[in-house]
Amino acid sequence: MMARLYPVLPIHPDETHRSWAARLAAFHIGAPVTELFEDMNIDPLAYALGAPDEVENRIGSPNSSRITLLGCE
């Protein structure tokens, strides 16, 4: 089972998945998002490009639809 962050911060309606990940990093580890990605074995380029496996399955937001999370509205 893959580790998940808790608590998961809600994504704001006008927020990108990249800024949301930066907020998660600041909240959980007090470091840049690059360190969070390294800790969680997330490919930063794939995440930045919005690859669904990296965005949804690695960090995942239980209160956000895929469309909202990936900014595809």
PDB file of N, CA and C in Angstrom:
ATOM      1  N   MET A   1       0.844  -1.186   0.000  1.00  0.00           N
ATOM      2  CA  MET A   1       0.000   0.000   0.000  1.00  0.00           C
ATOM      3  C   MET A   1       0.885   1.244   0.000  1.00  0.00           C
ATOM      4  N   MET A   2       0.543   2.192  -0.839  1.00  0.00           N
ATOM      5  CA  MET A   2       1.311   3.409  -0.968  1.00  0.00           C
ATOM      6  C   MET A   2       0.946   4.378   0.155  1.00  0.00           C
ATOM      7  N   ALA A   3       1.945   5.037   0.712  1.00  0.00           N
ATOM      8  CA  ALA A   3       1.706   6.021   1.768  1.00  0.00           C
ATOM      9  C   ALA A   3       0.963   7.220   1.204  1.00  0.00           C
ATOM     10  N   ARG A   4       0.090   7.764   2.009  1.00  0.00           N
ATOM     11  CA  ARG A   4      -0.669   8.967   1.636  1.00  0.00           C
ATOM     12  C   ARG A   4      -0.408  10.053   2.661  1.00  0.00           C
ATOM     13  N   LEU A   5      -0.505  11.288   2.251  1.00  0.00           N
ATOM     14  CA  LEU A   5      -0.386  12.402   3.170  1.00  0.00           C
ATOM     15  C   LEU A   5      -1.692  12.588   3.923  1.00  0.00           C
ATOM     16  N   TYR A   6      -1.560  12.926   5.201  1.00  0.00           N
ATOM     17  CA  TYR A   6      -2.747  13.227   5.991  1.00  0.00           C
ATOM     18  C   TYR A   6      -2.407  14.359   6.942  1.00  0.00           C
ATOM     19  N   PRO A   7      -3.228  15.361   7.048  1.00  0.00           N
ATOM     20  CA  PRO A   7      -4.455  15.531   6.284  1.00  0.00           C
ATOM     21  C   PRO A   7      -4.168  15.997   4.860  1.00  0.00           C
ATOM     22  N   VAL A   8      -5.080  15.674   3.979  1.00  0.00           N
ATOM     23  CA  VAL A   8      -4.985  16.141   2.605  1.00  0.00           C
ATOM     24  C   VAL A   8      -5.661  17.501   2.539  1.00  0.00           C
ATOM     25  N   LEU A   9      -4.940  18.487   2.096  1.00  0.00           N
ATOM     26  CA  LEU A   9      -5.494  19.828   1.991  1.00  0.00           C
ATOM     27  C   LEU A   9      -6.407  19.900   0.774  1.00  0.00           C
ATOM     28  N   PRO A  10      -7.549  20.549   0.917  1.00  0.00           N
ATOM     29  CA  PRO A  10      -8.450  20.660  -0.243  1.00  0.00           C
ATOM     30  C   PRO A  10      -7.832  21.550  -1.319  1.00  0.00           C
ATOM     31  N   ILE A  11      -8.114  21.220  -2.552  1.00  0.00           N
ATOM     32  CA  ILE A  11      -7.658  22.059  -3.658  1.00  0.00           C
ATOM     33  C   ILE A  11      -8.685  23.167  -3.848  1.00  0.00           C
ATOM     34  N   HIS A  12      -8.202  24.389  -4.012  1.00  0.00           N
ATOM     35  CA  HIS A  12      -9.094  25.526  -4.223  1.00  0.00           C
ATOM     36  C   HIS A  12      -9.612  25.502  -5.659  1.00  0.00           C
ATOM     37  N   PRO A  13     -10.823  26.000  -5.882  1.00  0.00           N
ATOM     38  CA  PRO A  13     -11.410  25.931  -7.227  1.00  0.00           C
ATOM     39  C   PRO A  13     -10.556  26.581  -8.317  1.00  0.00           C
ATOM     40  N   ASP A  14      -9.794  27.609  -7.967  1.00  0.00           N
ATOM     41  CA  ASP A  14      -8.987  28.301  -8.979  1.00  0.00           C
ATOM     42  C   ASP A  14      -7.507  27.936  -8.896  1.00  0.00           C
ATOM     43  N   GLU A  15      -7.190  26.834  -8.221  1.00  0.00           N
ATOM     44  CA  GLU A  15      -5.810  26.437  -7.996  1.00  0.00           C
ATOM     45  C   GLU A  15      -5.389  25.336  -8.973  1.00  0.00           C
ATOM     46  N   THR A  16      -4.145  25.383  -9.395  1.00  0.00           N
ATOM     47  CA  THR A  16      -3.609  24.328 -10.261  1.00  0.00           C
ATOM     48  C   THR A  16      -3.092  23.178  -9.404  1.00  0.00           C
ATOM     49  N   HIS A  17      -2.912  22.022 -10.010  1.00  0.00           N
ATOM     50  CA  HIS A  17      -2.369  20.888  -9.267  1.00  0.00           C
ATOM     51  C   HIS A  17      -0.941  21.161  -8.821  1.00  0.00           C
ATOM     52  N   ARG A  18      -0.229  22.012  -9.547  1.00  0.00           N
ATOM     53  CA  ARG A  18       1.141  22.344  -9.158  1.00  0.00           C
ATOM     54  C   ARG A  18       1.174  23.220  -7.909  1.00  0.00           C
ATOM     55  N   SER A  19       0.310  24.224  -7.841  1.00  0.00           N
ATOM     56  CA  SER A  19       0.308  25.077  -6.654  1.00  0.00           C
ATOM     57  C   SER A  19      -0.229  24.318  -5.445  1.00  0.00           C
ATOM     58  N   TRP A  20      -1.167  23.412  -5.685  1.00  0.00           N
ATOM     59  CA  TRP A  20      -1.697  22.583  -4.594  1.00  0.00           C
ATOM     60  C   TRP A  20      -0.593  21.695  -4.018  1.00  0.00           C
ATOM     61  N   ALA A  21       0.224  21.100  -4.868  1.00  0.00           N
ATOM     62  CA  ALA A  21       1.333  20.266  -4.393  1.00  0.00           C
ATOM     63  C   ALA A  21       2.336  21.106  -3.600  1.00  0.00           C
ATOM     64  N   ALA A  22       2.567  22.332  -4.032  1.00  0.00           N
ATOM     65  CA  ALA A  22       3.478  23.216  -3.300  1.00  0.00           C
ATOM     66  C   ALA A  22       2.919  23.522  -1.910  1.00  0.00           C
ATOM     67  N   ARG A  23       1.615  23.732  -1.810  1.00  0.00           N
ATOM     68  CA  ARG A  23       0.995  23.955  -0.492  1.00  0.00           C
ATOM     69  C   ARG A  23       1.119  22.715   0.379  1.00  0.00           C
ATOM     70  N   LEU A  24       0.910  21.535  -0.210  1.00  0.00           N
ATOM     71  CA  LEU A  24       1.064  20.293   0.553  1.00  0.00           C
ATOM     72  C   LEU A  24       2.481  20.164   1.097  1.00  0.00           C
ATOM     73  N   ALA A  25       3.464  20.470   0.268  1.00  0.00           N
ATOM     74  CA  ALA A  25       4.858  20.367   0.703  1.00  0.00           C
ATOM     75  C   ALA A  25       5.145  21.346   1.841  1.00  0.00           C
ATOM     76  N   ALA A  26       4.687  22.564   1.689  1.00  0.00           N
ATOM     77  CA  ALA A  26       4.913  23.560   2.731  1.00  0.00           C
ATOM     78  C   ALA A  26       4.251  23.145   4.039  1.00  0.00           C
ATOM     79  N   PHE A  27       3.044  22.644   3.958  1.00  0.00           N
ATOM     80  CA  PHE A  27       2.300  22.240   5.154  1.00  0.00           C
ATOM     81  C   PHE A  27       2.909  21.021   5.834  1.00  0.00           C
ATOM     82  N   HIS A  28       3.209  19.988   5.054  1.00  0.00           N
ATOM     83  CA  HIS A  28       3.621  18.713   5.625  1.00  0.00           C
ATOM     84  C   HIS A  28       5.104  18.613   5.986  1.00  0.00           C
ATOM     85  N   ILE A  29       5.962  19.178   5.159  1.00  0.00           N
ATOM     86  CA  ILE A  29       7.385  19.012   5.445  1.00  0.00           C
ATOM     87  C   ILE A  29       8.131  20.337   5.552  1.00  0.00           C
ATOM     88  N   GLY A  30       7.453  21.453   5.287  1.00  0.00           N
ATOM     89  CA  GLY A  30       8.100  22.755   5.394  1.00  0.00           C
ATOM     90  C   GLY A  30       9.264  22.918   4.438  1.00  0.00           C
ATOM     91  N   ALA A  31       9.138  22.318   3.282  1.00  0.00           N
ATOM     92  CA  ALA A  31      10.214  22.337   2.287  1.00  0.00           C
ATOM     93  C   ALA A  31       9.616  22.502   0.897  1.00  0.00           C
ATOM     94  N   PRO A  32      10.470  22.759  -0.097  1.00  0.00           N
ATOM     95  CA  PRO A  32       9.975  22.890  -1.474  1.00  0.00           C
ATOM     96  C   PRO A  32       9.325  21.598  -1.973  1.00  0.00           C
ATOM     97  N   VAL A  33       8.481  21.765  -2.957  1.00  0.00           N
ATOM     98  CA  VAL A  33       7.750  20.631  -3.513  1.00  0.00           C
ATOM     99  C   VAL A  33       8.696  19.576  -4.086  1.00  0.00           C
ATOM    100  N   THR A  34       9.861  19.979  -4.534  1.00  0.00           N
ATOM    101  CA  THR A  34      10.816  19.003  -5.077  1.00  0.00           C
ATOM    102  C   THR A  34      11.210  17.966  -4.026  1.00  0.00           C
ATOM    103  N   GLU A  35      11.325  18.393  -2.785  1.00  0.00           N
ATOM    104  CA  GLU A  35      11.662  17.446  -1.712  1.00  0.00           C
ATOM    105  C   GLU A  35      10.502  16.510  -1.414  1.00  0.00           C
ATOM    106  N   LEU A  36       9.285  17.028  -1.468  1.00  0.00           N
ATOM    107  CA  LEU A  36       8.108  16.176  -1.273  1.00  0.00           C
ATOM    108  C   LEU A  36       8.051  15.119  -2.368  1.00  0.00           C
ATOM    109  N   PHE A  37       8.271  15.544  -3.611  1.00  0.00           N
ATOM    110  CA  PHE A  37       8.245  14.600  -4.726  1.00  0.00           C
ATOM    111  C   PHE A  37       9.313  13.530  -4.568  1.00  0.00           C
ATOM    112  N   GLU A  38      10.498  13.935  -4.141  1.00  0.00           N
ATOM    113  CA  GLU A  38      11.566  12.965  -3.945  1.00  0.00           C
ATOM    114  C   GLU A  38      11.185  11.966  -2.852  1.00  0.00           C
ATOM    115  N   ASP A  39      10.641  12.464  -1.753  1.00  0.00           N
ATOM    116  CA  ASP A  39      10.232  11.590  -0.649  1.00  0.00           C
ATOM    117  C   ASP A  39       9.155  10.601  -1.066  1.00  0.00           C
ATOM    118  N   MET A  40       8.266  11.030  -1.960  1.00  0.00           N
ATOM    119  CA  MET A  40       7.143  10.193  -2.363  1.00  0.00           C
ATOM    120  C   MET A  40       7.384   9.479  -3.688  1.00  0.00           C
ATOM    121  N   ASN A  41       8.606   9.594  -4.225  1.00  0.00           N
ATOM    122  CA  ASN A  41       8.973   8.937  -5.478  1.00  0.00           C
ATOM    123  C   ASN A  41       8.047   9.353  -6.633  1.00  0.00           C
ATOM    124  N   ILE A  42       7.848  10.663  -6.736  1.00  0.00           N
ATOM    125  CA  ILE A  42       7.004  11.228  -7.791  1.00  0.00           C
ATOM    126  C   ILE A  42       7.908  11.854  -8.847  1.00  0.00           C
ATOM    127  N   ASP A  43       7.617  11.576 -10.099  1.00  0.00           N
ATOM    128  CA  ASP A  43       8.356  12.167 -11.216  1.00  0.00           C
ATOM    129  C   ASP A  43       7.892  13.615 -11.381  1.00  0.00           C
ATOM    130  N   PRO A  44       8.759  14.601 -11.083  1.00  0.00           N
ATOM    131  CA  PRO A  44       8.335  16.001 -11.148  1.00  0.00           C
ATOM    132  C   PRO A  44       7.867  16.449 -12.532  1.00  0.00           C
ATOM    133  N   LEU A  45       8.525  15.972 -13.576  1.00  0.00           N
ATOM    134  CA  LEU A  45       8.123  16.367 -14.927  1.00  0.00           C
ATOM    135  C   LEU A  45       6.749  15.801 -15.267  1.00  0.00           C
ATOM    136  N   ALA A  46       6.538  14.541 -14.967  1.00  0.00           N
ATOM    137  CA  ALA A  46       5.232  13.930 -15.237  1.00  0.00           C
ATOM    138  C   ALA A  46       4.131  14.637 -14.441  1.00  0.00           C
ATOM    139  N   TYR A  47       4.431  14.985 -13.199  1.00  0.00           N
ATOM    140  CA  TYR A  47       3.437  15.699 -12.384  1.00  0.00           C
ATOM    141  C   TYR A  47       3.147  17.073 -12.985  1.00  0.00           C
ATOM    142  N   ALA A  48       4.199  17.805 -13.346  1.00  0.00           N
ATOM    143  CA  ALA A  48       4.022  19.139 -13.908  1.00  0.00           C
ATOM    144  C   ALA A  48       3.202  19.106 -15.195  1.00  0.00           C
ATOM    145  N   LEU A  49       3.389  18.036 -15.975  1.00  0.00           N
ATOM    146  CA  LEU A  49       2.640  17.907 -17.230  1.00  0.00           C
ATOM    147  C   LEU A  49       1.225  17.383 -17.015  1.00  0.00           C
ATOM    148  N   GLY A  50       0.917  17.014 -15.768  1.00  0.00           N
ATOM    149  CA  GLY A  50      -0.439  16.558 -15.462  1.00  0.00           C
ATOM    150  C   GLY A  50      -0.690  15.098 -15.743  1.00  0.00           C
ATOM    151  N   ALA A  51       0.351  14.276 -15.744  1.00  0.00           N
ATOM    152  CA  ALA A  51       0.158  12.840 -15.963  1.00  0.00           C
ATOM    153  C   ALA A  51      -0.750  12.293 -14.860  1.00  0.00           C
ATOM    154  N   PRO A  52      -1.906  11.737 -15.220  1.00  0.00           N
ATOM    155  CA  PRO A  52      -2.878  11.295 -14.216  1.00  0.00           C
ATOM    156  C   PRO A  52      -2.323  10.352 -13.161  1.00  0.00           C
ATOM    157  N   ASP A  53      -1.422   9.436 -13.546  1.00  0.00           N
ATOM    158  CA  ASP A  53      -0.862   8.514 -12.554  1.00  0.00           C
ATOM    159  C   ASP A  53      -0.092   9.248 -11.475  1.00  0.00           C
ATOM    160  N   GLU A  54       0.657  10.257 -11.862  1.00  0.00           N
ATOM    161  CA  GLU A  54       1.435  11.003 -10.874  1.00  0.00           C
ATOM    162  C   GLU A  54       0.543  11.908 -10.037  1.00  0.00           C
ATOM    163  N   VAL A  55      -0.437  12.543 -10.638  1.00  0.00           N
ATOM    164  CA  VAL A  55      -1.281  13.495  -9.916  1.00  0.00           C
ATOM    165  C   VAL A  55      -2.280  12.789  -9.014  1.00  0.00           C
ATOM    166  N   GLU A  56      -3.066  11.886  -9.561  1.00  0.00           N
ATOM    167  CA  GLU A  56      -4.149  11.264  -8.790  1.00  0.00           C
ATOM    168  C   GLU A  56      -3.663  10.173  -7.856  1.00  0.00           C
ATOM    169  N   ASN A  57      -2.852   9.280  -8.366  1.00  0.00           N
ATOM    170  CA  ASN A  57      -2.494   8.092  -7.603  1.00  0.00           C
ATOM    171  C   ASN A  57      -1.415   8.332  -6.566  1.00  0.00           C
ATOM    172  N   ARG A  58      -0.573   9.316  -6.752  1.00  0.00           N
ATOM    173  CA  ARG A  58       0.528   9.532  -5.830  1.00  0.00           C
ATOM    174  C   ARG A  58       0.137  10.442  -4.681  1.00  0.00           C
ATOM    175  N   ILE A  59      -0.453  11.582  -4.980  1.00  0.00           N
ATOM    176  CA  ILE A  59      -0.839  12.501  -3.917  1.00  0.00           C
ATOM    177  C   ILE A  59      -2.339  12.386  -3.691  1.00  0.00           C
ATOM    178  N   GLY A  60      -3.102  12.403  -4.782  1.00  0.00           N
ATOM    179  CA  GLY A  60      -4.536  12.185  -4.695  1.00  0.00           C
ATOM    180  C   GLY A  60      -5.257  13.166  -3.800  1.00  0.00           C
ATOM    181  N   SER A  61      -6.363  13.643  -4.244  1.00  0.00           N
ATOM    182  CA  SER A  61      -7.202  14.535  -3.457  1.00  0.00           C
ATOM    183  C   SER A  61      -8.586  13.927  -3.383  1.00  0.00           C
ATOM    184  N   PRO A  62      -8.976  13.430  -2.229  1.00  0.00           N
ATOM    185  CA  PRO A  62     -10.262  12.741  -2.131  1.00  0.00           C
ATOM    186  C   PRO A  62     -11.462  13.634  -2.377  1.00  0.00           C
ATOM    187  N   ASN A  63     -11.291  14.939  -2.286  1.00  0.00           N
ATOM    188  CA  ASN A  63     -12.428  15.835  -2.479  1.00  0.00           C
ATOM    189  C   ASN A  63     -12.422  16.498  -3.852  1.00  0.00           C
ATOM    190  N   SER A  64     -11.560  16.068  -4.737  1.00  0.00           N
ATOM    191  CA  SER A  64     -11.461  16.703  -6.040  1.00  0.00           C
ATOM    192  C   SER A  64     -11.631  15.690  -7.157  1.00  0.00           C
ATOM    193  N   SER A  65     -12.383  16.100  -8.146  1.00  0.00           N
ATOM    194  CA  SER A  65     -12.522  15.244  -9.312  1.00  0.00           C
ATOM    195  C   SER A  65     -11.252  15.342 -10.143  1.00  0.00           C
ATOM    196  N   ARG A  66     -11.065  14.386 -11.027  1.00  0.00           N
ATOM    197  CA  ARG A  66      -9.898  14.402 -11.921  1.00  0.00           C
ATOM    198  C   ARG A  66      -9.888  15.680 -12.751  1.00  0.00           C
ATOM    199  N   ILE A  67     -11.026  16.104 -13.212  1.00  0.00           N
ATOM    200  CA  ILE A  67     -11.117  17.320 -14.025  1.00  0.00           C
ATOM    201  C   ILE A  67     -10.635  18.528 -13.237  1.00  0.00           C
ATOM    202  N   THR A  68     -11.089  18.664 -11.997  1.00  0.00           N
ATOM    203  CA  THR A  68     -10.674  19.790 -11.175  1.00  0.00           C
ATOM    204  C   THR A  68      -9.193  19.727 -10.878  1.00  0.00           C
ATOM    205  N   LEU A  69      -8.719  18.569 -10.467  1.00  0.00           N
ATOM    206  CA  LEU A  69      -7.336  18.411 -10.069  1.00  0.00           C
ATOM    207  C   LEU A  69      -6.373  18.695 -11.209  1.00  0.00           C
ATOM    208  N   LEU A  70      -6.704  18.276 -12.388  1.00  0.00           N
ATOM    209  CA  LEU A  70      -5.822  18.465 -13.528  1.00  0.00           C
ATOM    210  C   LEU A  70      -6.082  19.779 -14.260  1.00  0.00           C
ATOM    211  N   GLY A  71      -7.052  20.556 -13.807  1.00  0.00           N
ATOM    212  CA  GLY A  71      -7.315  21.843 -14.405  1.00  0.00           C
ATOM    213  C   GLY A  71      -7.859  21.753 -15.811  1.00  0.00           C
ATOM    214  N   CYS A  72      -8.689  20.773 -16.079  1.00  0.00           N
ATOM    215  CA  CYS A  72      -9.214  20.537 -17.433  1.00  0.00           C
ATOM    216  C   CYS A  72     -10.663  20.981 -17.563  1.00  0.00           C
ATOM    217  N   GLU A  73     -11.096  21.922 -16.785  1.00  0.00           N
ATOM    218  CA  GLU A  73     -12.503  22.326 -16.815  1.00  0.00           C
ATOM    219  C   GLU A  73     -12.825  23.100 -18.063  1.00  0.00           C
TER     220      GLU A  73
END
